[in-house]
Amino acid sequence: MRGGAIFLVFFIFFTSATLAVPIPLFPGSILHSVFSSLGIPISFYTPLFEAVANGLLYGFIVWMAFVLVSRKLEEPEVAVDPRERKKHSRKRSMAHQ
């Protein structure tokens, strides 16, 4: 659930940032040249397509980083067999005698 919220927040952030600041960002900047090479007329909606492409890519990247880091932080400790603990505790108690 947190991952979905992370993706949504950063998707909205990068989409709105791409629309607000006219700096070409990958992969949205490539869409303009792809549309031109395919003969698709550049329209009013091209900046919107570019912004959505940027939001999807960078939202996915941030989400993936979040998932990897959270999995790394939540790794369970290595389970120790209770019989092994008893053997080690006996050895320690004998060594102290």
PDB file of N, CA and C in Angstrom:
ATOM      1  N   MET A   1       0.814  -1.191   0.000  1.00  0.00           N
ATOM      2  CA  MET A   1       0.000   0.000   0.000  1.00  0.00           C
ATOM      3  C   MET A   1       0.864   1.264   0.000  1.00  0.00           C
ATOM      4  N   ARG A   2       1.941   1.243   0.785  1.00  0.00           N
ATOM      5  CA  ARG A   2       2.825   2.411   0.815  1.00  0.00           C
ATOM      6  C   ARG A   2       3.508   2.600  -0.523  1.00  0.00           C
ATOM      7  N   GLY A   3       3.810   1.481  -1.188  1.00  0.00           N
ATOM      8  CA  GLY A   3       4.458   1.570  -2.492  1.00  0.00           C
ATOM      9  C   GLY A   3       3.582   2.254  -3.519  1.00  0.00           C
ATOM     10  N   GLY A   4       2.292   1.951  -3.496  1.00  0.00           N
ATOM     11  CA  GLY A   4       1.360   2.595  -4.416  1.00  0.00           C
ATOM     12  C   GLY A   4       1.259   4.092  -4.158  1.00  0.00           C
ATOM     13  N   ALA A   5       1.268   4.462  -2.888  1.00  0.00           N
ATOM     14  CA  ALA A   5       1.220   5.884  -2.538  1.00  0.00           C
ATOM     15  C   ALA A   5       2.496   6.598  -2.983  1.00  0.00           C
ATOM     16  N   ILE A   6       3.631   5.936  -2.801  1.00  0.00           N
ATOM     17  CA  ILE A   6       4.904   6.507  -3.243  1.00  0.00           C
ATOM     18  C   ILE A   6       4.882   6.737  -4.751  1.00  0.00           C
ATOM     19  N   PHE A   7       4.434   5.721  -5.505  1.00  0.00           N
ATOM     20  CA  PHE A   7       4.373   5.859  -6.959  1.00  0.00           C
ATOM     21  C   PHE A   7       3.442   7.001  -7.356  1.00  0.00           C
ATOM     22  N   LEU A   8       2.278   7.061  -6.760  1.00  0.00           N
ATOM     23  CA  LEU A   8       1.303   8.086  -7.119  1.00  0.00           C
ATOM     24  C   LEU A   8       1.828   9.491  -6.839  1.00  0.00           C
ATOM     25  N   VAL A   9       2.446   9.684  -5.684  1.00  0.00           N
ATOM     26  CA  VAL A   9       2.976  10.999  -5.324  1.00  0.00           C
ATOM     27  C   VAL A   9       4.055  11.433  -6.315  1.00  0.00           C
ATOM     28  N   PHE A  10       4.980  10.544  -6.619  1.00  0.00           N
ATOM     29  CA  PHE A  10       6.067  10.931  -7.512  1.00  0.00           C
ATOM     30  C   PHE A  10       5.618  10.999  -8.976  1.00  0.00           C
ATOM     31  N   PHE A  11       4.621  10.209  -9.350  1.00  0.00           N
ATOM     32  CA  PHE A  11       4.045  10.344 -10.689  1.00  0.00           C
ATOM     33  C   PHE A  11       3.447  11.730 -10.857  1.00  0.00           C
ATOM     34  N   ILE A  12       2.653  12.154  -9.882  1.00  0.00           N
ATOM     35  CA  ILE A  12       2.043  13.487  -9.950  1.00  0.00           C
ATOM     36  C   ILE A  12       3.118  14.572  -9.909  1.00  0.00           C
ATOM     37  N   PHE A  13       4.121  14.385  -9.070  1.00  0.00           N
ATOM     38  CA  PHE A  13       5.201  15.369  -8.965  1.00  0.00           C
ATOM     39  C   PHE A  13       5.935  15.541 -10.289  1.00  0.00           C
ATOM     40  N   PHE A  14       6.396  14.436 -10.889  1.00  0.00           N
ATOM     41  CA  PHE A  14       7.165  14.546 -12.125  1.00  0.00           C
ATOM     42  C   PHE A  14       6.300  14.972 -13.309  1.00  0.00           C
ATOM     43  N   THR A  15       5.035  14.557 -13.328  1.00  0.00           N
ATOM     44  CA  THR A  15       4.144  14.984 -14.409  1.00  0.00           C
ATOM     45  C   THR A  15       3.904  16.487 -14.332  1.00  0.00           C
ATOM     46  N   SER A  16       3.605  16.979 -13.146  1.00  0.00           N
ATOM     47  CA  SER A  16       3.364  18.416 -13.018  1.00  0.00           C
ATOM     48  C   SER A  16       4.642  19.230 -13.202  1.00  0.00           C
ATOM     49  N   ALA A  17       5.781  18.704 -12.765  1.00  0.00           N
ATOM     50  CA  ALA A  17       7.044  19.418 -12.959  1.00  0.00           C
ATOM     51  C   ALA A  17       7.388  19.510 -14.439  1.00  0.00           C
ATOM     52  N   THR A  18       7.110  18.451 -15.201  1.00  0.00           N
ATOM     53  CA  THR A  18       7.385  18.481 -16.630  1.00  0.00           C
ATOM     54  C   THR A  18       6.484  19.491 -17.334  1.00  0.00           C
ATOM     55  N   LEU A  19       5.251  19.595 -16.904  1.00  0.00           N
ATOM     56  CA  LEU A  19       4.342  20.573 -17.508  1.00  0.00           C
ATOM     57  C   LEU A  19       4.711  22.000 -17.106  1.00  0.00           C
ATOM     58  N   ALA A  20       5.172  22.191 -15.877  1.00  0.00           N
ATOM     59  CA  ALA A  20       5.457  23.537 -15.375  1.00  0.00           C
ATOM     60  C   ALA A  20       6.786  24.092 -15.872  1.00  0.00           C
ATOM     61  N   VAL A  21       7.795  23.248 -15.987  1.00  0.00           N
ATOM     62  CA  VAL A  21       9.129  23.701 -16.371  1.00  0.00           C
ATOM     63  C   VAL A  21       9.442  23.163 -17.760  1.00  0.00           C
ATOM     64  N   PRO A  22       9.626  24.041 -18.728  1.00  0.00           N
ATOM     65  CA  PRO A  22       9.832  23.574 -20.112  1.00  0.00           C
ATOM     66  C   PRO A  22      11.262  23.104 -20.398  1.00  0.00           C
ATOM     67  N   ILE A  23      11.775  22.218 -19.574  1.00  0.00           N
ATOM     68  CA  ILE A  23      13.104  21.639 -19.797  1.00  0.00           C
ATOM     69  C   ILE A  23      12.893  20.221 -20.300  1.00  0.00           C
ATOM     70  N   PRO A  24      13.480  19.864 -21.438  1.00  0.00           N
ATOM     71  CA  PRO A  24      13.269  18.502 -21.952  1.00  0.00           C
ATOM     72  C   PRO A  24      13.922  17.458 -21.051  1.00  0.00           C
ATOM     73  N   LEU A  25      13.126  16.477 -20.666  1.00  0.00           N
ATOM     74  CA  LEU A  25      13.594  15.363 -19.851  1.00  0.00           C
ATOM     75  C   LEU A  25      13.401  14.069 -20.629  1.00  0.00           C
ATOM     76  N   PHE A  26      14.311  13.132 -20.458  1.00  0.00           N
ATOM     77  CA  PHE A  26      14.136  11.803 -21.037  1.00  0.00           C
ATOM     78  C   PHE A  26      13.070  11.095 -20.230  1.00  0.00           C
ATOM     79  N   PRO A  27      12.199  10.339 -20.775  1.00  0.00           N
ATOM     80  CA  PRO A  27      11.929   9.923 -22.140  1.00  0.00           C
ATOM     81  C   PRO A  27      10.923  10.817 -22.863  1.00  0.00           C
ATOM     82  N   GLY A  28      10.368  11.794 -22.132  1.00  0.00           N
ATOM     83  CA  GLY A  28       9.367  12.654 -22.750  1.00  0.00           C
ATOM     84  C   GLY A  28       9.892  13.441 -23.928  1.00  0.00           C
ATOM     85  N   SER A  29      11.156  13.839 -23.863  1.00  0.00           N
ATOM     86  CA  SER A  29      11.729  14.620 -24.959  1.00  0.00           C
ATOM     87  C   SER A  29      11.859  13.793 -26.233  1.00  0.00           C
ATOM     88  N   ILE A  30      11.933  12.488 -26.103  1.00  0.00           N
ATOM     89  CA  ILE A  30      12.053  11.621 -27.274  1.00  0.00           C
ATOM     90  C   ILE A  30      10.714  11.513 -28.013  1.00  0.00           C
ATOM     91  N   LEU A  31       9.616  11.646 -27.288  1.00  0.00           N
ATOM     92  CA  LEU A  31       8.300  11.522 -27.917  1.00  0.00           C
ATOM     93  C   LEU A  31       8.099  12.545 -29.027  1.00  0.00           C
ATOM     94  N   HIS A  32       8.610  13.749 -28.841  1.00  0.00           N
ATOM     95  CA  HIS A  32       8.478  14.791 -29.866  1.00  0.00           C
ATOM     96  C   HIS A  32       9.139  14.346 -31.175  1.00  0.00           C
ATOM     97  N   SER A  33      10.345  13.814 -31.078  1.00  0.00           N
ATOM     98  CA  SER A  33      11.038  13.370 -32.295  1.00  0.00           C
ATOM     99  C   SER A  33      10.396  12.118 -32.882  1.00  0.00           C
ATOM    100  N   VAL A  34       9.877  11.238 -32.030  1.00  0.00           N
ATOM    101  CA  VAL A  34       9.200  10.025 -32.521  1.00  0.00           C
ATOM    102  C   VAL A  34       7.926  10.404 -33.264  1.00  0.00           C
ATOM    103  N   PHE A  35       7.147  11.323 -32.697  1.00  0.00           N
ATOM    104  CA  PHE A  35       5.925  11.768 -33.361  1.00  0.00           C
ATOM    105  C   PHE A  35       6.249  12.390 -34.717  1.00  0.00           C
ATOM    106  N   SER A  36       7.305  13.204 -34.761  1.00  0.00           N
ATOM    107  CA  SER A  36       7.685  13.853 -36.015  1.00  0.00           C
ATOM    108  C   SER A  36       8.132  12.832 -37.064  1.00  0.00           C
ATOM    109  N   SER A  37       8.923  11.848 -36.650  1.00  0.00           N
ATOM    110  CA  SER A  37       9.440  10.866 -37.608  1.00  0.00           C
ATOM    111  C   SER A  37       8.346   9.936 -38.125  1.00  0.00           C
ATOM    112  N   LEU A  38       7.308   9.712 -37.329  1.00  0.00           N
ATOM    113  CA  LEU A  38       6.205   8.852 -37.765  1.00  0.00           C
ATOM    114  C   LEU A  38       5.160   9.607 -38.580  1.00  0.00           C
ATOM    115  N   GLY A  39       5.344  10.899 -38.715  1.00  0.00           N
ATOM    116  CA  GLY A  39       4.401  11.691 -39.484  1.00  0.00           C
ATOM    117  C   GLY A  39       3.168  12.086 -38.695  1.00  0.00           C
ATOM    118  N   ILE A  40       3.189  11.871 -37.394  1.00  0.00           N
ATOM    119  CA  ILE A  40       2.068  12.269 -36.541  1.00  0.00           C
ATOM    120  C   ILE A  40       2.213  13.762 -36.274  1.00  0.00           C
ATOM    121  N   PRO A  41       1.178  14.535 -36.563  1.00  0.00           N
ATOM    122  CA  PRO A  41       1.304  15.981 -36.354  1.00  0.00           C
ATOM    123  C   PRO A  41       1.469  16.324 -34.876  1.00  0.00           C
ATOM    124  N   ILE A  42       2.361  17.271 -34.640  1.00  0.00           N
ATOM    125  CA  ILE A  42       2.576  17.736 -33.276  1.00  0.00           C
ATOM    126  C   ILE A  42       1.361  18.559 -32.884  1.00  0.00           C
ATOM    127  N   SER A  43       0.757  18.183 -31.801  1.00  0.00           N
ATOM    128  CA  SER A  43      -0.472  18.855 -31.405  1.00  0.00           C
ATOM    129  C   SER A  43      -0.318  19.511 -30.043  1.00  0.00           C
ATOM    130  N   PHE A  44      -1.412  20.026 -29.593  1.00  0.00           N
ATOM    131  CA  PHE A  44      -1.475  20.650 -28.277  1.00  0.00           C
ATOM    132  C   PHE A  44      -1.230  19.619 -27.180  1.00  0.00           C
ATOM    133  N   TYR A  45      -1.515  18.358 -27.447  1.00  0.00           N
ATOM    134  CA  TYR A  45      -1.429  17.308 -26.430  1.00  0.00           C
ATOM    135  C   TYR A  45      -0.032  16.689 -26.296  1.00  0.00           C
ATOM    136  N   THR A  46       0.869  17.019 -27.185  1.00  0.00           N
ATOM    137  CA  THR A  46       2.211  16.433 -27.125  1.00  0.00           C
ATOM    138  C   THR A  46       2.905  16.716 -25.791  1.00  0.00           C
ATOM    139  N   PRO A  47       2.869  17.944 -25.262  1.00  0.00           N
ATOM    140  CA  PRO A  47       3.490  18.159 -23.940  1.00  0.00           C
ATOM    141  C   PRO A  47       2.845  17.319 -22.840  1.00  0.00           C
ATOM    142  N   LEU A  48       1.552  17.072 -22.971  1.00  0.00           N
ATOM    143  CA  LEU A  48       0.879  16.232 -21.976  1.00  0.00           C
ATOM    144  C   LEU A  48       1.370  14.786 -22.060  1.00  0.00           C
ATOM    145  N   PHE A  49       1.530  14.265 -23.284  1.00  0.00           N
ATOM    146  CA  PHE A  49       2.081  12.916 -23.455  1.00  0.00           C
ATOM    147  C   PHE A  49       3.497  12.829 -22.894  1.00  0.00           C
ATOM    148  N   GLU A  50       4.291  13.866 -23.149  1.00  0.00           N
ATOM    149  CA  GLU A  50       5.662  13.892 -22.630  1.00  0.00           C
ATOM    150  C   GLU A  50       5.657  13.900 -21.102  1.00  0.00           C
ATOM    151  N   ALA A  51       4.772  14.681 -20.512  1.00  0.00           N
ATOM    152  CA  ALA A  51       4.708  14.773 -19.053  1.00  0.00           C
ATOM    153  C   ALA A  51       4.273  13.443 -18.433  1.00  0.00           C
ATOM    154  N   VAL A  52       3.297  12.787 -19.042  1.00  0.00           N
ATOM    155  CA  VAL A  52       2.839  11.492 -18.520  1.00  0.00           C
ATOM    156  C   VAL A  52       3.938  10.442 -18.648  1.00  0.00           C
ATOM    157  N   ALA A  53       4.667  10.456 -19.773  1.00  0.00           N
ATOM    158  CA  ALA A  53       5.772   9.508 -19.945  1.00  0.00           C
ATOM    159  C   ALA A  53       6.845   9.734 -18.884  1.00  0.00           C
ATOM    160  N   ASN A  54       7.170  10.989 -18.614  1.00  0.00           N
ATOM    161  CA  ASN A  54       8.160  11.289 -17.568  1.00  0.00           C
ATOM    162  C   ASN A  54       7.645  10.874 -16.195  1.00  0.00           C
ATOM    163  N   GLY A  55       6.383  11.156 -15.918  1.00  0.00           N
ATOM    164  CA  GLY A  55       5.812  10.771 -14.629  1.00  0.00           C
ATOM    165  C   GLY A  55       5.822   9.267 -14.427  1.00  0.00           C
ATOM    166  N   LEU A  56       5.486   8.515 -15.480  1.00  0.00           N
ATOM    167  CA  LEU A  56       5.493   7.054 -15.376  1.00  0.00           C
ATOM    168  C   LEU A  56       6.902   6.518 -15.136  1.00  0.00           C
ATOM    169  N   LEU A  57       7.867   6.995 -15.922  1.00  0.00           N
ATOM    170  CA  LEU A  57       9.227   6.469 -15.793  1.00  0.00           C
ATOM    171  C   LEU A  57       9.834   6.815 -14.441  1.00  0.00           C
ATOM    172  N   TYR A  58       9.811   8.088 -14.075  1.00  0.00           N
ATOM    173  CA  TYR A  58      10.476   8.486 -12.840  1.00  0.00           C
ATOM    174  C   TYR A  58       9.687   8.046 -11.605  1.00  0.00           C
ATOM    175  N   GLY A  59       8.373   7.971 -11.700  1.00  0.00           N
ATOM    176  CA  GLY A  59       7.585   7.408 -10.605  1.00  0.00           C
ATOM    177  C   GLY A  59       7.921   5.949 -10.387  1.00  0.00           C
ATOM    178  N   PHE A  60       8.100   5.204 -11.491  1.00  0.00           N
ATOM    179  CA  PHE A  60       8.483   3.798 -11.387  1.00  0.00           C
ATOM    180  C   PHE A  60       9.873   3.639 -10.782  1.00  0.00           C
ATOM    181  N   ILE A  61      10.799   4.492 -11.176  1.00  0.00           N
ATOM    182  CA  ILE A  61      12.159   4.405 -10.642  1.00  0.00           C
ATOM    183  C   ILE A  61      12.171   4.657  -9.140  1.00  0.00           C
ATOM    184  N   VAL A  62      11.457   5.683  -8.696  1.00  0.00           N
ATOM    185  CA  VAL A  62      11.408   5.981  -7.257  1.00  0.00           C
ATOM    186  C   VAL A  62      10.697   4.867  -6.503  1.00  0.00           C
ATOM    187  N   TRP A  63       9.615   4.342  -7.081  1.00  0.00           N
ATOM    188  CA  TRP A  63       8.897   3.232  -6.442  1.00  0.00           C
ATOM    189  C   TRP A  63       9.799   2.007  -6.304  1.00  0.00           C
ATOM    190  N   MET A  64      10.541   1.688  -7.370  1.00  0.00           N
ATOM    191  CA  MET A  64      11.429   0.524  -7.329  1.00  0.00           C
ATOM    192  C   MET A  64      12.522   0.716  -6.280  1.00  0.00           C
ATOM    193  N   ALA A  65      13.074   1.916  -6.184  1.00  0.00           N
ATOM    194  CA  ALA A  65      14.086   2.186  -5.157  1.00  0.00           C
ATOM    195  C   ALA A  65      13.477   2.028  -3.771  1.00  0.00           C
ATOM    196  N   PHE A  66      12.254   2.516  -3.574  1.00  0.00           N
ATOM    197  CA  PHE A  66      11.578   2.378  -2.290  1.00  0.00           C
ATOM    198  C   PHE A  66      11.378   0.909  -1.930  1.00  0.00           C
ATOM    199  N   VAL A  67      10.927   0.110  -2.890  1.00  0.00           N
ATOM    200  CA  VAL A  67      10.682  -1.313  -2.627  1.00  0.00           C
ATOM    201  C   VAL A  67      11.979  -2.028  -2.262  1.00  0.00           C
ATOM    202  N   LEU A  68      13.051  -1.762  -3.002  1.00  0.00           N
ATOM    203  CA  LEU A  68      14.323  -2.429  -2.727  1.00  0.00           C
ATOM    204  C   LEU A  68      14.883  -2.030  -1.356  1.00  0.00           C
ATOM    205  N   VAL A  69      14.816  -0.758  -1.033  1.00  0.00           N
ATOM    206  CA  VAL A  69      15.336  -0.305   0.258  1.00  0.00           C
ATOM    207  C   VAL A  69      14.487  -0.850   1.402  1.00  0.00           C
ATOM    208  N   SER A  70      13.168  -0.829   1.248  1.00  0.00           N
ATOM    209  CA  SER A  70      12.321  -1.330   2.333  1.00  0.00           C
ATOM    210  C   SER A  70      12.488  -2.832   2.534  1.00  0.00           C
ATOM    211  N   ARG A  71      12.714  -3.572   1.467  1.00  0.00           N
ATOM    212  CA  ARG A  71      12.971  -5.015   1.623  1.00  0.00           C
ATOM    213  C   ARG A  71      14.300  -5.255   2.319  1.00  0.00           C
ATOM    214  N   LYS A  72      15.280  -4.442   1.992  1.00  0.00           N
ATOM    215  CA  LYS A  72      16.589  -4.596   2.617  1.00  0.00           C
ATOM    216  C   LYS A  72      16.511  -4.284   4.109  1.00  0.00           C
ATOM    217  N   LEU A  73      15.728  -3.274   4.469  1.00  0.00           N
ATOM    218  CA  LEU A  73      15.612  -2.902   5.878  1.00  0.00           C
ATOM    219  C   LEU A  73      14.761  -3.883   6.672  1.00  0.00           C
ATOM    220  N   GLU A  74      13.857  -4.582   6.009  1.00  0.00           N
ATOM    221  CA  GLU A  74      12.963  -5.502   6.697  1.00  0.00           C
ATOM    222  C   GLU A  74      13.388  -6.959   6.596  1.00  0.00           C
ATOM    223  N   GLU A  75      14.647  -7.228   6.235  1.00  0.00           N
ATOM    224  CA  GLU A  75      15.111  -8.608   6.141  1.00  0.00           C
ATOM    225  C   GLU A  75      15.067  -9.254   7.515  1.00  0.00           C
ATOM    226  N   PRO A  76      14.496 -10.451   7.597  1.00  0.00           N
ATOM    227  CA  PRO A  76      14.449 -11.122   8.902  1.00  0.00           C
ATOM    228  C   PRO A  76      15.838 -11.618   9.294  1.00  0.00           C
ATOM    229  N   GLU A  77      16.021 -11.730  10.589  1.00  0.00           N
ATOM    230  CA  GLU A  77      17.298 -12.261  11.067  1.00  0.00           C
ATOM    231  C   GLU A  77      17.379 -13.739  10.731  1.00  0.00           C
ATOM    232  N   VAL A  78      18.578 -14.231  10.625  1.00  0.00           N
ATOM    233  CA  VAL A  78      18.773 -15.636  10.313  1.00  0.00           C
ATOM    234  C   VAL A  78      18.308 -16.466  11.496  1.00  0.00           C
ATOM    235  N   ALA A  79      17.440 -17.401  11.216  1.00  0.00           N
ATOM    236  CA  ALA A  79      16.913 -18.252  12.286  1.00  0.00           C
ATOM    237  C   ALA A  79      17.974 -19.252  12.723  1.00  0.00           C
ATOM    238  N   VAL A  80      18.105 -19.384  14.021  1.00  0.00           N
ATOM    239  CA  VAL A  80      19.068 -20.320  14.582  1.00  0.00           C
ATOM    240  C   VAL A  80      18.282 -21.484  15.170  1.00  0.00           C
ATOM    241  N   ASP A  81      18.743 -22.679  14.875  1.00  0.00           N
ATOM    242  CA  ASP A  81      18.095 -23.876  15.396  1.00  0.00           C
ATOM    243  C   ASP A  81      18.254 -23.883  16.922  1.00  0.00           C
ATOM    244  N   PRO A  82      17.172 -24.100  17.671  1.00  0.00           N
ATOM    245  CA  PRO A  82      17.264 -24.097  19.140  1.00  0.00           C
ATOM    246  C   PRO A  82      18.272 -25.113  19.674  1.00  0.00           C
ATOM    247  N   ARG A  83      18.454 -26.239  18.982  1.00  0.00           N
ATOM    248  CA  ARG A  83      19.433 -27.240  19.438  1.00  0.00           C
ATOM    249  C   ARG A  83      20.842 -26.681  19.348  1.00  0.00           C
ATOM    250  N   GLU A  84      21.089 -25.832  18.331  1.00  0.00           N
ATOM    251  CA  GLU A  84      22.414 -25.225  18.206  1.00  0.00           C
ATOM    252  C   GLU A  84      22.679 -24.244  19.345  1.00  0.00           C
ATOM    253  N   ARG A  85      21.657 -23.533  19.770  1.00  0.00           N
ATOM    254  CA  ARG A  85      21.823 -22.599  20.880  1.00  0.00           C
ATOM    255  C   ARG A  85      22.208 -23.344  22.147  1.00  0.00           C
ATOM    256  N   LYS A  86      21.583 -24.485  22.381  1.00  0.00           N
ATOM    257  CA  LYS A  86      21.890 -25.265  23.580  1.00  0.00           C
ATOM    258  C   LYS A  86      23.335 -25.743  23.559  1.00  0.00           C
ATOM    259  N   LYS A  87      23.806 -26.191  22.390  1.00  0.00           N
ATOM    260  CA  LYS A  87      25.194 -26.660  22.295  1.00  0.00           C
ATOM    261  C   LYS A  87      26.163 -25.533  22.614  1.00  0.00           C
ATOM    262  N   HIS A  88      25.881 -24.330  22.050  1.00  0.00           N
ATOM    263  CA  HIS A  88      26.784 -23.200  22.283  1.00  0.00           C
ATOM    264  C   HIS A  88      26.741 -22.750  23.743  1.00  0.00           C
ATOM    265  N   SER A  89      25.575 -22.781  24.361  1.00  0.00           N
ATOM    266  CA  SER A  89      25.481 -22.353  25.762  1.00  0.00           C
ATOM    267  C   SER A  89      26.190 -23.351  26.675  1.00  0.00           C
ATOM    268  N   ARG A  90      26.144 -24.656  26.354  1.00  0.00           N
ATOM    269  CA  ARG A  90      26.856 -25.668  27.154  1.00  0.00           C
ATOM    270  C   ARG A  90      28.356 -25.471  27.041  1.00  0.00           C
ATOM    271  N   LYS A  91      28.817 -25.183  25.830  1.00  0.00           N
ATOM    272  CA  LYS A  91      30.261 -24.979  25.646  1.00  0.00           C
ATOM    273  C   LYS A  91      30.723 -23.770  26.431  1.00  0.00           C
ATOM    274  N   ARG A  92      29.921 -22.697  26.430  1.00  0.00           N
ATOM    275  CA  ARG A  92      30.311 -21.494  27.178  1.00  0.00           C
ATOM    276  C   ARG A  92      30.340 -21.753  28.679  1.00  0.00           C
ATOM    277  N   SER A  93      29.334 -22.478  29.179  1.00  0.00           N
ATOM    278  CA  SER A  93      29.283 -22.722  30.620  1.00  0.00           C
ATOM    279  C   SER A  93      30.439 -23.630  31.046  1.00  0.00           C
ATOM    280  N   MET A  94      30.839 -24.587  30.215  1.00  0.00           N
ATOM    281  CA  MET A  94      31.966 -25.472  30.552  1.00  0.00           C
ATOM    282  C   MET A  94      33.279 -24.706  30.504  1.00  0.00           C
ATOM    283  N   ALA A  95      33.380 -23.731  29.608  1.00  0.00           N
ATOM    284  CA  ALA A  95      34.604 -22.967  29.492  1.00  0.00           C
ATOM    285  C   ALA A  95      34.818 -22.058  30.705  1.00  0.00           C
ATOM    286  N   HIS A  96      33.731 -21.601  31.323  1.00  0.00           N
ATOM    287  CA  HIS A  96      33.843 -20.717  32.466  1.00  0.00           C
ATOM    288  C   HIS A  96      34.140 -21.468  33.748  1.00  0.00           C
ATOM    289  N   GLN A  97      33.990 -22.777  33.757  1.00  0.00           N
ATOM    290  CA  GLN A  97      34.245 -23.546  34.983  1.00  0.00           C
ATOM    291  C   GLN A  97      35.657 -23.760  35.194  1.00  0.00           C
TER     292      GLN A  97
END
